[in-house]
């Protein structure tokens, strides 16, 4: 597990090895927004930045990411 701190003041737990071909599972503090995404991310830092910005726009908190 890797823990990445967001610019929004909290940390996100990231599991697995991410690559541009990964499928990423996303867990938010509102389970109605949980889902998966085909990855175009090279690093966990890049993924956390983009997805936490999305979460912030929707008044959510990103809790966890997992790549497979």
PDB file of N, CA and C in Angstrom:
ATOM      1  N   UNK A   1       0.835  -1.185   0.000  1.00  0.00           N
ATOM      2  CA  UNK A   1       0.000   0.000   0.000  1.00  0.00           C
ATOM      3  C   UNK A   1       0.880   1.249   0.000  1.00  0.00           C
ATOM      4  N   UNK A   2       0.420   2.230  -0.733  1.00  0.00           N
ATOM      5  CA  UNK A   2       1.060   3.545  -0.769  1.00  0.00           C
ATOM      6  C   UNK A   2       0.046   4.561  -0.273  1.00  0.00           C
ATOM      7  N   UNK A   3       0.483   5.491   0.541  1.00  0.00           N
ATOM      8  CA  UNK A   3      -0.390   6.551   1.050  1.00  0.00           C
ATOM      9  C   UNK A   3       0.063   7.860   0.411  1.00  0.00           C
ATOM     10  N   UNK A   4      -0.862   8.525  -0.294  1.00  0.00           N
ATOM     11  CA  UNK A   4      -0.557   9.787  -0.988  1.00  0.00           C
ATOM     12  C   UNK A   4      -1.392  10.901  -0.360  1.00  0.00           C
ATOM     13  N   UNK A   5      -0.738  11.988   0.035  1.00  0.00           N
ATOM     14  CA  UNK A   5      -1.441  13.149   0.599  1.00  0.00           C
ATOM     15  C   UNK A   5      -1.947  14.037  -0.540  1.00  0.00           C
ATOM     16  N   UNK A   6      -3.197  14.465  -0.423  1.00  0.00           N
ATOM     17  CA  UNK A   6      -3.784  15.343  -1.442  1.00  0.00           C
ATOM     18  C   UNK A   6      -3.533  16.804  -1.084  1.00  0.00           C
ATOM     19  N   UNK A   7      -3.732  17.669  -2.052  1.00  0.00           N
ATOM     20  CA  UNK A   7      -3.632  19.106  -1.786  1.00  0.00           C
ATOM     21  C   UNK A   7      -4.834  19.595  -0.986  1.00  0.00           C
ATOM     22  N   UNK A   8      -5.818  18.716  -0.792  1.00  0.00           N
ATOM     23  CA  UNK A   8      -7.029  19.058  -0.057  1.00  0.00           C
ATOM     24  C   UNK A   8      -6.904  18.716   1.433  1.00  0.00           C
ATOM     25  N   UNK A   9      -5.722  18.214   1.844  1.00  0.00           N
ATOM     26  CA  UNK A   9      -5.444  18.030   3.252  1.00  0.00           C
ATOM     27  C   UNK A   9      -5.688  16.651   3.831  1.00  0.00           C
ATOM     28  N   UNK A  10      -5.940  15.673   3.007  1.00  0.00           N
ATOM     29  CA  UNK A  10      -6.127  14.317   3.514  1.00  0.00           C
ATOM     30  C   UNK A  10      -5.302  13.341   2.676  1.00  0.00           C
ATOM     31  N   UNK A  11      -5.161  12.113   3.159  1.00  0.00           N
ATOM     32  CA  UNK A  11      -4.374  11.094   2.464  1.00  0.00           C
ATOM     33  C   UNK A  11      -5.278  10.022   1.873  1.00  0.00           C
ATOM     34  N   UNK A  12      -4.815   9.431   0.770  1.00  0.00           N
ATOM     35  CA  UNK A  12      -5.545   8.383   0.059  1.00  0.00           C
ATOM     36  C   UNK A  12      -4.702   7.116   0.073  1.00  0.00           C
ATOM     37  N   UNK A  13      -5.309   5.987   0.428  1.00  0.00           N
ATOM     38  CA  UNK A  13      -4.629   4.694   0.377  1.00  0.00           C
ATOM     39  C   UNK A  13      -4.698   4.153  -1.049  1.00  0.00           C
ATOM     40  N   UNK A  14      -3.539   3.762  -1.594  1.00  0.00           N
ATOM     41  CA  UNK A  14      -3.452   3.259  -2.959  1.00  0.00           C
ATOM     42  C   UNK A  14      -2.862   1.853  -2.938  1.00  0.00           C
ATOM     43  N   UNK A  15      -3.550   0.914  -3.585  1.00  0.00           N
ATOM     44  CA  UNK A  15      -3.156  -0.487  -3.575  1.00  0.00           C
ATOM     45  C   UNK A  15      -2.849  -0.963  -4.994  1.00  0.00           C
ATOM     46  N   UNK A  16      -1.833  -1.816  -5.115  1.00  0.00           N
ATOM     47  CA  UNK A  16      -1.466  -2.388  -6.397  1.00  0.00           C
ATOM     48  C   UNK A  16      -0.421  -1.548  -7.115  1.00  0.00           C
ATOM     49  N   UNK A  17      -0.059  -2.016  -8.297  1.00  0.00           N
ATOM     50  CA  UNK A  17       0.908  -1.319  -9.150  1.00  0.00           C
ATOM     51  C   UNK A  17       0.159  -0.672 -10.296  1.00  0.00           C
ATOM     52  N   UNK A  18       0.229   0.646 -10.370  1.00  0.00           N
ATOM     53  CA  UNK A  18      -0.521   1.373 -11.395  1.00  0.00           C
ATOM     54  C   UNK A  18       0.312   1.520 -12.663  1.00  0.00           C
ATOM     55  N   UNK A  19      -0.370   1.469 -13.801  1.00  0.00           N
ATOM     56  CA  UNK A  19       0.242   1.743 -15.101  1.00  0.00           C
ATOM     57  C   UNK A  19      -0.848   2.310 -16.001  1.00  0.00           C
ATOM     58  N   UNK A  20      -0.453   2.746 -17.160  1.00  0.00           N
ATOM     59  CA  UNK A  20      -1.409   3.331 -18.102  1.00  0.00           C
ATOM     60  C   UNK A  20      -2.457   2.324 -18.572  1.00  0.00           C
ATOM     61  N   UNK A  21      -2.200   1.027 -18.385  1.00  0.00           N
ATOM     62  CA  UNK A  21      -3.137  -0.012 -18.811  1.00  0.00           C
ATOM     63  C   UNK A  21      -3.998  -0.538 -17.664  1.00  0.00           C
ATOM     64  N   UNK A  22      -3.808  -0.029 -16.467  1.00  0.00           N
ATOM     65  CA  UNK A  22      -4.534  -0.527 -15.293  1.00  0.00           C
ATOM     66  C   UNK A  22      -6.002  -0.120 -15.316  1.00  0.00           C
ATOM     67  N   UNK A  23      -6.809  -0.924 -14.627  1.00  0.00           N
ATOM     68  CA  UNK A  23      -8.166  -0.534 -14.268  1.00  0.00           C
ATOM     69  C   UNK A  23      -8.099  -0.102 -12.811  1.00  0.00           C
ATOM     70  N   UNK A  24      -8.643   1.064 -12.506  1.00  0.00           N
ATOM     71  CA  UNK A  24      -8.541   1.619 -11.160  1.00  0.00           C
ATOM     72  C   UNK A  24      -9.925   1.647 -10.513  1.00  0.00           C
ATOM     73  N   UNK A  25     -10.020   1.015  -9.336  1.00  0.00           N
ATOM     74  CA  UNK A  25     -11.236   1.085  -8.527  1.00  0.00           C
ATOM     75  C   UNK A  25     -11.127   2.295  -7.613  1.00  0.00           C
ATOM     76  N   UNK A  26     -12.211   3.066  -7.539  1.00  0.00           N
ATOM     77  CA  UNK A  26     -12.226   4.297  -6.746  1.00  0.00           C
ATOM     78  C   UNK A  26     -13.256   4.173  -5.631  1.00  0.00           C
ATOM     79  N   UNK A  27     -12.869   4.535  -4.408  1.00  0.00           N
ATOM     80  CA  UNK A  27     -13.771   4.516  -3.263  1.00  0.00           C
ATOM     81  C   UNK A  27     -13.828   5.927  -2.682  1.00  0.00           C
ATOM     82  N   UNK A  28     -15.046   6.459  -2.614  1.00  0.00           N
ATOM     83  CA  UNK A  28     -15.281   7.793  -2.068  1.00  0.00           C
ATOM     84  C   UNK A  28     -16.055   7.686  -0.753  1.00  0.00           C
ATOM     85  N   UNK A  29     -16.188   8.791  -0.043  1.00  0.00           N
ATOM     86  CA  UNK A  29     -16.940   8.773   1.208  1.00  0.00           C
ATOM     87  C   UNK A  29     -18.446   8.682   0.974  1.00  0.00           C
ATOM     88  N   UNK A  30     -18.894   8.794  -0.245  1.00  0.00           N
ATOM     89  CA  UNK A  30     -20.285   8.537  -0.636  1.00  0.00           C
ATOM     90  C   UNK A  30     -20.253   7.389  -1.632  1.00  0.00           C
ATOM     91  N   UNK A  31     -20.712   6.215  -1.201  1.00  0.00           N
ATOM     92  CA  UNK A  31     -20.594   5.020  -2.029  1.00  0.00           C
ATOM     93  C   UNK A  31     -21.341   5.119  -3.361  1.00  0.00           C
ATOM     94  N   UNK A  32     -22.247   6.072  -3.495  1.00  0.00           N
ATOM     95  CA  UNK A  32     -22.945   6.250  -4.768  1.00  0.00           C
ATOM     96  C   UNK A  32     -21.995   6.694  -5.885  1.00  0.00           C
ATOM     97  N   UNK A  33     -20.829   7.208  -5.518  1.00  0.00           N
ATOM     98  CA  UNK A  33     -19.845   7.667  -6.496  1.00  0.00           C
ATOM     99  C   UNK A  33     -18.743   6.641  -6.743  1.00  0.00           C
ATOM    100  N   UNK A  34     -18.695   5.567  -5.947  1.00  0.00           N
ATOM    101  CA  UNK A  34     -17.665   4.539  -6.131  1.00  0.00           C
ATOM    102  C   UNK A  34     -17.751   3.967  -7.546  1.00  0.00           C
ATOM    103  N   UNK A  35     -16.612   3.559  -8.088  1.00  0.00           N
ATOM    104  CA  UNK A  35     -16.640   2.985  -9.427  1.00  0.00           C
ATOM    105  C   UNK A  35     -15.267   2.585  -9.899  1.00  0.00           C
ATOM    106  N   UNK A  36     -15.188   2.303 -11.182  1.00  0.00           N
ATOM    107  CA  UNK A  36     -13.918   1.929 -11.799  1.00  0.00           C
ATOM    108  C   UNK A  36     -13.648   2.831 -12.992  1.00  0.00           C
ATOM    109  N   UNK A  37     -12.389   2.913 -13.344  1.00  0.00           N
ATOM    110  CA  UNK A  37     -11.965   3.740 -14.464  1.00  0.00           C
ATOM    111  C   UNK A  37     -10.805   3.062 -15.163  1.00  0.00           C
ATOM    112  N   UNK A  38     -10.820   3.112 -16.493  1.00  0.00           N
ATOM    113  CA  UNK A  38      -9.634   2.687 -17.223  1.00  0.00           C
ATOM    114  C   UNK A  38      -8.569   3.745 -16.986  1.00  0.00           C
ATOM    115  N   UNK A  39      -7.398   3.301 -16.605  1.00  0.00           N
ATOM    116  CA  UNK A  39      -6.339   4.216 -16.196  1.00  0.00           C
ATOM    117  C   UNK A  39      -5.602   4.790 -17.398  1.00  0.00           C
ATOM    118  N   UNK A  40      -5.255   6.030 -17.270  1.00  0.00           N
ATOM    119  CA  UNK A  40      -4.283   6.647 -18.176  1.00  0.00           C
ATOM    120  C   UNK A  40      -3.176   7.252 -17.314  1.00  0.00           C
ATOM    121  N   UNK A  41      -3.134   6.829 -16.048  1.00  0.00           N
ATOM    122  CA  UNK A  41      -2.200   7.378 -15.077  1.00  0.00           C
ATOM    123  C   UNK A  41      -0.895   6.592 -15.068  1.00  0.00           C
ATOM    124  N   UNK A  42       0.209   7.305 -14.999  1.00  0.00           N
ATOM    125  CA  UNK A  42       1.527   6.667 -14.918  1.00  0.00           C
ATOM    126  C   UNK A  42       1.935   6.412 -13.476  1.00  0.00           C
ATOM    127  N   UNK A  43       1.425   7.230 -12.533  1.00  0.00           N
ATOM    128  CA  UNK A  43       1.820   7.121 -11.120  1.00  0.00           C
ATOM    129  C   UNK A  43       0.596   7.296 -10.230  1.00  0.00           C
ATOM    130  N   UNK A  44       0.736   6.828  -8.981  1.00  0.00           N
ATOM    131  CA  UNK A  44      -0.339   7.048  -8.007  1.00  0.00           C
ATOM    132  C   UNK A  44      -0.513   8.533  -7.727  1.00  0.00           C
ATOM    133  N   UNK A  45       0.571   9.277  -7.689  1.00  0.00           N
ATOM    134  CA  UNK A  45       0.485  10.719  -7.421  1.00  0.00           C
ATOM    135  C   UNK A  45      -0.390  11.406  -8.456  1.00  0.00           C
ATOM    136  N   UNK A  46      -0.191  11.056  -9.719  1.00  0.00           N
ATOM    137  CA  UNK A  46      -0.985  11.629 -10.810  1.00  0.00           C
ATOM    138  C   UNK A  46      -2.462  11.238 -10.666  1.00  0.00           C
ATOM    139  N   UNK A  47      -2.725   9.987 -10.341  1.00  0.00           N
ATOM    140  CA  UNK A  47      -4.103   9.509 -10.180  1.00  0.00           C
ATOM    141  C   UNK A  47      -4.792  10.212  -9.017  1.00  0.00           C
ATOM    142  N   UNK A  48      -4.118  10.287  -7.882  1.00  0.00           N
ATOM    143  CA  UNK A  48      -4.710  10.925  -6.699  1.00  0.00           C
ATOM    144  C   UNK A  48      -5.002  12.388  -6.970  1.00  0.00           C
ATOM    145  N   UNK A  49      -4.096  13.076  -7.639  1.00  0.00           N
ATOM    146  CA  UNK A  49      -4.323  14.495  -7.934  1.00  0.00           C
ATOM    147  C   UNK A  49      -5.590  14.685  -8.759  1.00  0.00           C
ATOM    148  N   UNK A  50      -5.705  13.965  -9.866  1.00  0.00           N
ATOM    149  CA  UNK A  50      -6.850  14.150 -10.758  1.00  0.00           C
ATOM    150  C   UNK A  50      -8.162  13.693 -10.113  1.00  0.00           C
ATOM    151  N   UNK A  51      -8.156  12.534  -9.480  1.00  0.00           N
ATOM    152  CA  UNK A  51      -9.400  12.003  -8.931  1.00  0.00           C
ATOM    153  C   UNK A  51      -9.816  12.750  -7.665  1.00  0.00           C
ATOM    154  N   UNK A  52      -8.869  13.206  -6.862  1.00  0.00           N
ATOM    155  CA  UNK A  52      -9.247  13.997  -5.674  1.00  0.00           C
ATOM    156  C   UNK A  52      -9.775  15.372  -6.074  1.00  0.00           C
ATOM    157  N   UNK A  53      -9.271  15.934  -7.168  1.00  0.00           N
ATOM    158  CA  UNK A  53      -9.824  17.198  -7.681  1.00  0.00           C
ATOM    159  C   UNK A  53     -11.273  16.989  -8.117  1.00  0.00           C
ATOM    160  N   UNK A  54     -11.539  15.864  -8.803  1.00  0.00           N
ATOM    161  CA  UNK A  54     -12.909  15.513  -9.187  1.00  0.00           C
ATOM    162  C   UNK A  54     -13.785  15.391  -7.934  1.00  0.00           C
ATOM    163  N   UNK A  55     -13.279  14.689  -6.928  1.00  0.00           N
ATOM    164  CA  UNK A  55     -14.033  14.496  -5.694  1.00  0.00           C
ATOM    165  C   UNK A  55     -14.364  15.846  -5.045  1.00  0.00           C
ATOM    166  N   UNK A  56     -13.403  16.724  -5.000  1.00  0.00           N
ATOM    167  CA  UNK A  56     -13.593  18.038  -4.383  1.00  0.00           C
ATOM    168  C   UNK A  56     -14.695  18.825  -5.100  1.00  0.00           C
ATOM    169  N   UNK A  57     -14.758  18.734  -6.422  1.00  0.00           N
ATOM    170  CA  UNK A  57     -15.805  19.423  -7.188  1.00  0.00           C
ATOM    171  C   UNK A  57     -17.200  18.941  -6.806  1.00  0.00           C
ATOM    172  N   UNK A  58     -17.289  17.682  -6.377  1.00  0.00           N
ATOM    173  CA  UNK A  58     -18.576  17.086  -6.019  1.00  0.00           C
ATOM    174  C   UNK A  58     -18.769  16.993  -4.502  1.00  0.00           C
ATOM    175  N   UNK A  59     -17.928  17.742  -3.764  1.00  0.00           N
ATOM    176  CA  UNK A  59     -17.987  17.787  -2.297  1.00  0.00           C
ATOM    177  C   UNK A  59     -17.841  16.399  -1.687  1.00  0.00           C
ATOM    178  N   UNK A  60     -16.908  15.615  -2.252  1.00  0.00           N
ATOM    179  CA  UNK A  60     -16.613  14.268  -1.788  1.00  0.00           C
ATOM    180  C   UNK A  60     -15.188  14.202  -1.268  1.00  0.00           C
ATOM    181  N   UNK A  61     -14.877  13.078  -0.637  1.00  0.00           N
ATOM    182  CA  UNK A  61     -13.512  12.782  -0.220  1.00  0.00           C
ATOM    183  C   UNK A  61     -13.128  11.435  -0.821  1.00  0.00           C
ATOM    184  N   UNK A  62     -11.999  11.401  -1.507  1.00  0.00           N
ATOM    185  CA  UNK A  62     -11.483  10.174  -2.074  1.00  0.00           C
ATOM    186  C   UNK A  62     -10.805   9.392  -0.957  1.00  0.00           C
ATOM    187  N   UNK A  63     -11.217   8.145  -0.743  1.00  0.00           N
ATOM    188  CA  UNK A  63     -10.673   7.349   0.358  1.00  0.00           C
ATOM    189  C   UNK A  63      -9.614   6.371  -0.091  1.00  0.00           C
ATOM    190  N   UNK A  64      -9.835   5.724  -1.235  1.00  0.00           N
ATOM    191  CA  UNK A  64      -8.970   4.602  -1.619  1.00  0.00           C
ATOM    192  C   UNK A  64      -8.991   4.402  -3.135  1.00  0.00           C
ATOM    193  N   UNK A  65      -7.828   4.000  -3.661  1.00  0.00           N
ATOM    194  CA  UNK A  65      -7.701   3.592  -5.057  1.00  0.00           C
ATOM    195  C   UNK A  65      -7.032   2.235  -5.096  1.00  0.00           C
ATOM    196  N   UNK A  66      -7.438   1.399  -6.061  1.00  0.00           N
ATOM    197  CA  UNK A  66      -6.793   0.094  -6.233  1.00  0.00           C
ATOM    198  C   UNK A  66      -6.661  -0.190  -7.721  1.00  0.00           C
ATOM    199  N   UNK A  67      -5.455  -0.578  -8.124  1.00  0.00           N
ATOM    200  CA  UNK A  67      -5.191  -0.904  -9.526  1.00  0.00           C
ATOM    201  C   UNK A  67      -5.087  -2.415  -9.686  1.00  0.00           C
ATOM    202  N   UNK A  68      -5.579  -2.900 -10.831  1.00  0.00           N
ATOM    203  CA  UNK A  68      -5.391  -4.312 -11.147  1.00  0.00           C
ATOM    204  C   UNK A  68      -4.999  -4.482 -12.596  1.00  0.00           C
TER     205      UNK A  68
END
